[in-house]
PDB file of all heavy atoms in Angstrom:
ATOM      1  N   ALA A   1      24.007  22.299  -2.749  1.00  0.00           N
ATOM      2  CA  ALA A   1      25.310  22.028  -3.328  1.00  0.00           C
ATOM      3  C   ALA A   1      25.144  21.402  -4.706  1.00  0.00           C
ATOM      4  O   ALA A   1      24.610  20.300  -4.824  1.00  0.00           O
ATOM      5  CB  ALA A   1      26.122  21.108  -2.424  1.00  0.00           C
ATOM      6  N   GLU A   2      25.618  22.097  -5.733  1.00  0.00           N
ATOM      7  CA  GLU A   2      25.520  21.626  -7.106  1.00  0.00           C
ATOM      8  C   GLU A   2      26.810  20.941  -7.535  1.00  0.00           C
ATOM      9  O   GLU A   2      27.896  21.277  -7.065  1.00  0.00           O
ATOM     10  CB  GLU A   2      25.226  22.790  -8.052  1.00  0.00           C
ATOM     11  CG  GLU A   2      23.928  23.508  -7.768  1.00  0.00           C
ATOM     12  CD  GLU A   2      24.114  25.000  -7.674  1.00  0.00           C
ATOM     13  OE1 GLU A   2      25.174  25.435  -7.180  1.00  0.00           O
ATOM     14  OE2 GLU A   2      23.198  25.732  -8.087  1.00  0.00           O
ATOM     15  N   SER A   3      26.665  20.020  -8.468  1.00  0.00           N
ATOM     16  CA  SER A   3      27.814  19.345  -9.046  1.00  0.00           C
ATOM     17  C   SER A   3      27.448  18.844 -10.432  1.00  0.00           C
ATOM     18  O   SER A   3      26.273  18.766 -10.785  1.00  0.00           O
ATOM     19  CB  SER A   3      28.275  18.179  -8.166  1.00  0.00           C
ATOM     20  OG  SER A   3      27.262  17.196  -8.056  1.00  0.00           O
ATOM     21  N   GLY A   4      28.458  18.500 -11.211  1.00  0.00           N
ATOM     22  CA  GLY A   4      28.234  17.899 -12.513  1.00  0.00           C
ATOM     23  C   GLY A   4      28.495  18.792 -13.704  1.00  0.00           C
ATOM     24  O   GLY A   4      28.464  18.322 -14.847  1.00  0.00           O
ATOM     25  N   GLY A   5      28.739  20.065 -13.469  1.00  0.00           N
ATOM     26  CA  GLY A   5      29.028  20.955 -14.577  1.00  0.00           C
ATOM     27  C   GLY A   5      30.378  20.647 -15.192  1.00  0.00           C
ATOM     28  O   GLY A   5      31.209  19.950 -14.615  1.00  0.00           O
ATOM     29  N   GLY A   6      30.593  21.185 -16.381  1.00  0.00           N
ATOM     30  CA  GLY A   6      31.852  20.960 -17.050  1.00  0.00           C
ATOM     31  C   GLY A   6      31.790  21.341 -18.512  1.00  0.00           C
ATOM     32  O   GLY A   6      30.881  22.052 -18.949  1.00  0.00           O
ATOM     33  N   LEU A   7      32.770  20.858 -19.248  1.00  0.00           N
ATOM     34  CA  LEU A   7      32.897  21.137 -20.674  1.00  0.00           C
ATOM     35  C   LEU A   7      32.459  19.923 -21.473  1.00  0.00           C
ATOM     36  O   LEU A   7      32.880  18.795 -21.183  1.00  0.00           O
ATOM     37  CB  LEU A   7      34.339  21.498 -21.016  1.00  0.00           C
ATOM     38  CG  LEU A   7      34.685  21.667 -22.495  1.00  0.00           C
ATOM     39  CD1 LEU A   7      33.930  22.846 -23.088  1.00  0.00           C
ATOM     40  CD2 LEU A   7      36.184  21.847 -22.668  1.00  0.00           C
ATOM     41  N   VAL A   8      31.638  20.158 -22.475  1.00  0.00           N
ATOM     42  CA  VAL A   8      31.155  19.079 -23.325  1.00  0.00           C
ATOM     43  C   VAL A   8      30.996  19.597 -24.748  1.00  0.00           C
ATOM     44  O   VAL A   8      30.737  20.786 -24.959  1.00  0.00           O
ATOM     45  CB  VAL A   8      29.819  18.514 -22.792  1.00  0.00           C
ATOM     46  CG1 VAL A   8      28.720  19.567 -22.876  1.00  0.00           C
ATOM     47  CG2 VAL A   8      29.414  17.256 -23.538  1.00  0.00           C
ATOM     48  N   GLN A   9      31.180  18.718 -25.703  1.00  0.00           N
ATOM     49  CA  GLN A   9      30.965  19.092 -27.096  1.00  0.00           C
ATOM     50  C   GLN A   9      29.482  19.153 -27.416  1.00  0.00           C
ATOM     51  O   GLN A   9      28.664  18.494 -26.773  1.00  0.00           O
ATOM     52  CB  GLN A   9      31.639  18.089 -28.031  1.00  0.00           C
ATOM     53  CG  GLN A   9      33.147  18.193 -28.109  1.00  0.00           C
ATOM     54  CD  GLN A   9      33.721  17.330 -29.219  1.00  0.00           C
ATOM     55  OE1 GLN A   9      33.232  16.244 -29.492  1.00  0.00           O
ATOM     56  NE2 GLN A   9      34.765  17.825 -29.865  1.00  0.00           N
ATOM     57  N   ALA A  10      29.138  19.956 -28.405  1.00  0.00           N
ATOM     58  CA  ALA A  10      27.760  20.001 -28.866  1.00  0.00           C
ATOM     59  C   ALA A  10      27.294  18.601 -29.231  1.00  0.00           C
ATOM     60  O   ALA A  10      28.013  17.845 -29.882  1.00  0.00           O
ATOM     61  CB  ALA A  10      27.633  20.937 -30.064  1.00  0.00           C
ATOM     62  N   GLY A  11      26.093  18.282 -28.790  1.00  0.00           N
ATOM     63  CA  GLY A  11      25.559  16.950 -29.003  1.00  0.00           C
ATOM     64  C   GLY A  11      25.822  15.999 -27.858  1.00  0.00           C
ATOM     65  O   GLY A  11      25.228  14.911 -27.811  1.00  0.00           O
ATOM     66  N   GLY A  12      26.666  16.397 -26.937  1.00  0.00           N
ATOM     67  CA  GLY A  12      26.998  15.562 -25.801  1.00  0.00           C
ATOM     68  C   GLY A  12      26.014  15.713 -24.667  1.00  0.00           C
ATOM     69  O   GLY A  12      24.985  16.386 -24.785  1.00  0.00           O
ATOM     70  N   SER A  13      26.356  15.094 -23.538  1.00  0.00           N
ATOM     71  CA  SER A  13      25.461  15.066 -22.386  1.00  0.00           C
ATOM     72  C   SER A  13      26.197  15.403 -21.105  1.00  0.00           C
ATOM     73  O   SER A  13      27.398  15.165 -20.967  1.00  0.00           O
ATOM     74  CB  SER A  13      24.822  13.680 -22.237  1.00  0.00           C
ATOM     75  OG  SER A  13      24.039  13.342 -23.366  1.00  0.00           O
ATOM     76  N   LEU A  14      25.467  15.952 -20.163  1.00  0.00           N
ATOM     77  CA  LEU A  14      25.930  16.192 -18.810  1.00  0.00           C
ATOM     78  C   LEU A  14      24.786  15.923 -17.853  1.00  0.00           C
ATOM     79  O   LEU A  14      23.618  16.071 -18.222  1.00  0.00           O
ATOM     80  CB  LEU A  14      26.413  17.635 -18.617  1.00  0.00           C
ATOM     81  CG  LEU A  14      27.769  18.037 -19.181  1.00  0.00           C
ATOM     82  CD1 LEU A  14      27.968  19.535 -18.998  1.00  0.00           C
ATOM     83  CD2 LEU A  14      28.889  17.268 -18.499  1.00  0.00           C
ATOM     84  N   ARG A  15      25.135  15.555 -16.645  1.00  0.00           N
ATOM     85  CA  ARG A  15      24.136  15.348 -15.610  1.00  0.00           C
ATOM     86  C   ARG A  15      24.496  16.217 -14.413  1.00  0.00           C
ATOM     87  O   ARG A  15      25.546  16.042 -13.798  1.00  0.00           O
ATOM     88  CB  ARG A  15      24.072  13.880 -15.188  1.00  0.00           C
ATOM     89  CG  ARG A  15      22.983  13.575 -14.156  1.00  0.00           C
ATOM     90  CD  ARG A  15      22.921  12.082 -13.854  1.00  0.00           C
ATOM     91  NE  ARG A  15      21.939  11.747 -12.833  1.00  0.00           N
ATOM     92  CZ  ARG A  15      20.649  11.546 -13.056  1.00  0.00           C
ATOM     93  NH1 ARG A  15      20.172  11.646 -14.294  1.00  0.00           N
ATOM     94  NH2 ARG A  15      19.826  11.237 -12.061  1.00  0.00           N
ATOM     95  N   LEU A  16      23.621  17.147 -14.087  1.00  0.00           N
ATOM     96  CA  LEU A  16      23.802  18.014 -12.944  1.00  0.00           C
ATOM     97  C   LEU A  16      23.067  17.447 -11.739  1.00  0.00           C
ATOM     98  O   LEU A  16      21.978  16.891 -11.875  1.00  0.00           O
ATOM     99  CB  LEU A  16      23.282  19.422 -13.232  1.00  0.00           C
ATOM    100  CG  LEU A  16      23.827  20.133 -14.473  1.00  0.00           C
ATOM    101  CD1 LEU A  16      23.245  21.541 -14.561  1.00  0.00           C
ATOM    102  CD2 LEU A  16      25.347  20.177 -14.453  1.00  0.00           C
ATOM    103  N   SER A  17      23.665  17.614 -10.581  1.00  0.00           N
ATOM    104  CA  SER A  17      23.051  17.155  -9.347  1.00  0.00           C
ATOM    105  C   SER A  17      23.066  18.277  -8.326  1.00  0.00           C
ATOM    106  O   SER A  17      23.952  19.130  -8.328  1.00  0.00           O
ATOM    107  CB  SER A  17      23.786  15.935  -8.788  1.00  0.00           C
ATOM    108  OG  SER A  17      23.703  14.840  -9.672  1.00  0.00           O
ATOM    109  N   CYS A  18      22.090  18.264  -7.447  1.00  0.00           N
ATOM    110  CA  CYS A  18      21.984  19.256  -6.392  1.00  0.00           C
ATOM    111  C   CYS A  18      21.468  18.571  -5.143  1.00  0.00           C
ATOM    112  O   CYS A  18      20.426  17.906  -5.183  1.00  0.00           O
ATOM    113  CB  CYS A  18      21.055  20.394  -6.812  1.00  0.00           C
ATOM    114  SG  CYS A  18      20.700  21.594  -5.512  1.00  0.00           S
ATOM    115  N   ALA A  19      22.176  18.751  -4.056  1.00  0.00           N
ATOM    116  CA  ALA A  19      21.789  18.166  -2.784  1.00  0.00           C
ATOM    117  C   ALA A  19      21.509  19.265  -1.767  1.00  0.00           C
ATOM    118  O   ALA A  19      22.339  20.149  -1.554  1.00  0.00           O
ATOM    119  CB  ALA A  19      22.883  17.238  -2.269  1.00  0.00           C
ATOM    120  N   ALA A  20      20.354  19.208  -1.158  1.00  0.00           N
ATOM    121  CA  ALA A  20      19.984  20.156  -0.116  1.00  0.00           C
ATOM    122  C   ALA A  20      20.360  19.588   1.246  1.00  0.00           C
ATOM    123  O   ALA A  20      20.171  18.394   1.506  1.00  0.00           O
ATOM    124  CB  ALA A  20      18.496  20.461  -0.162  1.00  0.00           C
ATOM    125  N   SER A  21      20.888  20.434   2.092  1.00  0.00           N
ATOM    126  CA  SER A  21      21.262  20.004   3.430  1.00  0.00           C
ATOM    127  C   SER A  21      21.028  21.137   4.415  1.00  0.00           C
ATOM    128  O   SER A  21      20.830  22.282   4.028  1.00  0.00           O
ATOM    129  CB  SER A  21      22.727  19.558   3.475  1.00  0.00           C
ATOM    130  OG  SER A  21      23.594  20.628   3.138  1.00  0.00           O
ATOM    131  N   GLY A  22      21.082  20.810   5.684  1.00  0.00           N
ATOM    132  CA  GLY A  22      20.878  21.798   6.721  1.00  0.00           C
ATOM    133  C   GLY A  22      19.539  21.616   7.413  1.00  0.00           C
ATOM    134  O   GLY A  22      19.030  20.507   7.527  1.00  0.00           O
ATOM    135  N   ARG A  23      18.990  22.734   7.853  1.00  0.00           N
ATOM    136  CA  ARG A  23      17.725  22.691   8.562  1.00  0.00           C
ATOM    137  C   ARG A  23      16.587  22.587   7.559  1.00  0.00           C
ATOM    138  O   ARG A  23      16.195  23.569   6.926  1.00  0.00           O
ATOM    139  CB  ARG A  23      17.558  23.930   9.447  1.00  0.00           C
ATOM    140  CG  ARG A  23      16.435  23.797  10.455  1.00  0.00           C
ATOM    141  CD  ARG A  23      16.492  24.869  11.519  1.00  0.00           C
ATOM    142  NE  ARG A  23      16.178  26.186  11.009  1.00  0.00           N
ATOM    143  CZ  ARG A  23      15.930  27.248  11.765  1.00  0.00           C
ATOM    144  NH1 ARG A  23      15.972  27.135  13.082  1.00  0.00           N
ATOM    145  NH2 ARG A  23      15.675  28.416  11.214  1.00  0.00           N
ATOM    146  N   ILE A  24      16.064  21.392   7.402  1.00  0.00           N
ATOM    147  CA  ILE A  24      15.028  21.115   6.409  1.00  0.00           C
ATOM    148  C   ILE A  24      13.909  20.318   7.049  1.00  0.00           C
ATOM    149  O   ILE A  24      14.143  19.243   7.598  1.00  0.00           O
ATOM    150  CB  ILE A  24      15.594  20.330   5.210  1.00  0.00           C
ATOM    151  CG1 ILE A  24      16.684  21.119   4.497  1.00  0.00           C
ATOM    152  CG2 ILE A  24      14.461  19.980   4.246  1.00  0.00           C
ATOM    153  CD1 ILE A  24      17.404  20.327   3.436  1.00  0.00           C
ATOM    154  N   PHE A  25      12.718  20.840   6.959  1.00  0.00           N
ATOM    155  CA  PHE A  25      11.541  20.101   7.370  1.00  0.00           C
ATOM    156  C   PHE A  25      10.928  19.396   6.163  1.00  0.00           C
ATOM    157  O   PHE A  25      10.650  18.196   6.209  1.00  0.00           O
ATOM    158  CB  PHE A  25      10.519  21.022   8.044  1.00  0.00           C
ATOM    159  CG  PHE A  25       9.228  20.332   8.378  1.00  0.00           C
ATOM    160  CD1 PHE A  25       9.187  19.326   9.325  1.00  0.00           C
ATOM    161  CD2 PHE A  25       8.043  20.683   7.745  1.00  0.00           C
ATOM    162  CE1 PHE A  25       8.004  18.675   9.644  1.00  0.00           C
ATOM    163  CE2 PHE A  25       6.850  20.045   8.056  1.00  0.00           C
ATOM    164  CZ  PHE A  25       6.836  19.038   9.007  1.00  0.00           C
ATOM    165  N   ILE A  26      10.723  20.150   5.084  1.00  0.00           N
ATOM    166  CA  ILE A  26      10.178  19.585   3.869  1.00  0.00           C
ATOM    167  C   ILE A  26      10.560  20.481   2.697  1.00  0.00           C
ATOM    168  O   ILE A  26      10.701  21.690   2.848  1.00  0.00           O
ATOM    169  CB  ILE A  26       8.647  19.423   3.956  1.00  0.00           C
ATOM    170  CG1 ILE A  26       8.119  18.544   2.833  1.00  0.00           C
ATOM    171  CG2 ILE A  26       7.955  20.776   3.977  1.00  0.00           C
ATOM    172  CD1 ILE A  26       6.664  18.148   3.013  1.00  0.00           C
ATOM    173  N   ILE A  27      10.744  19.871   1.537  1.00  0.00           N
ATOM    174  CA  ILE A  27      11.059  20.595   0.316  1.00  0.00           C
ATOM    175  C   ILE A  27       9.880  20.496  -0.639  1.00  0.00           C
ATOM    176  O   ILE A  27       9.421  19.392  -0.942  1.00  0.00           O
ATOM    177  CB  ILE A  27      12.319  20.042  -0.371  1.00  0.00           C
ATOM    178  CG1 ILE A  27      13.509  20.087   0.589  1.00  0.00           C
ATOM    179  CG2 ILE A  27      12.626  20.837  -1.641  1.00  0.00           C
ATOM    180  CD1 ILE A  27      14.783  19.504   0.010  1.00  0.00           C
ATOM    181  N   ASN A  28       9.412  21.642  -1.099  1.00  0.00           N
ATOM    182  CA  ASN A  28       8.324  21.661  -2.063  1.00  0.00           C
ATOM    183  C   ASN A  28       8.903  21.611  -3.486  1.00  0.00           C
ATOM    184  O   ASN A  28       9.509  20.612  -3.862  1.00  0.00           O
ATOM    185  CB  ASN A  28       7.448  22.901  -1.844  1.00  0.00           C
ATOM    186  CG  ASN A  28       6.136  22.815  -2.587  1.00  0.00           C
ATOM    187  OD1 ASN A  28       5.709  21.744  -3.006  1.00  0.00           O
ATOM    188  ND2 ASN A  28       5.473  23.956  -2.768  1.00  0.00           N
ATOM    189  N   ASP A  29       8.752  22.668  -4.244  1.00  0.00           N
ATOM    190  CA  ASP A  29       9.267  22.672  -5.610  1.00  0.00           C
ATOM    191  C   ASP A  29      10.785  22.750  -5.631  1.00  0.00           C
ATOM    192  O   ASP A  29      11.408  23.378  -4.777  1.00  0.00           O
ATOM    193  CB  ASP A  29       8.699  23.846  -6.401  1.00  0.00           C
ATOM    194  CG  ASP A  29       7.205  23.757  -6.612  1.00  0.00           C
ATOM    195  OD1 ASP A  29       6.629  22.675  -6.380  1.00  0.00           O
ATOM    196  OD2 ASP A  29       6.605  24.767  -7.027  1.00  0.00           O
ATOM    197  N   MET A  30      11.379  22.130  -6.633  1.00  0.00           N
ATOM    198  CA  MET A  30      12.802  22.238  -6.900  1.00  0.00           C
ATOM    199  C   MET A  30      12.974  22.515  -8.382  1.00  0.00           C
ATOM    200  O   MET A  30      12.095  22.195  -9.187  1.00  0.00           O
ATOM    201  CB  MET A  30      13.556  20.966  -6.513  1.00  0.00           C
ATOM    202  CG  MET A  30      13.376  20.540  -5.068  1.00  0.00           C
ATOM    203  SD  MET A  30      14.407  19.116  -4.610  1.00  0.00           S
ATOM    204  CE  MET A  30      15.981  19.948  -4.302  1.00  0.00           C
TER     205      MET A  30
END
């Protein structure tokens, strides 16, 4: 599940987040 997208002016900042859920034993690369 991703979040944090939106509209920003050039030179600005945004922070995207992603949360994994469900049947998970271990996560390697992201």
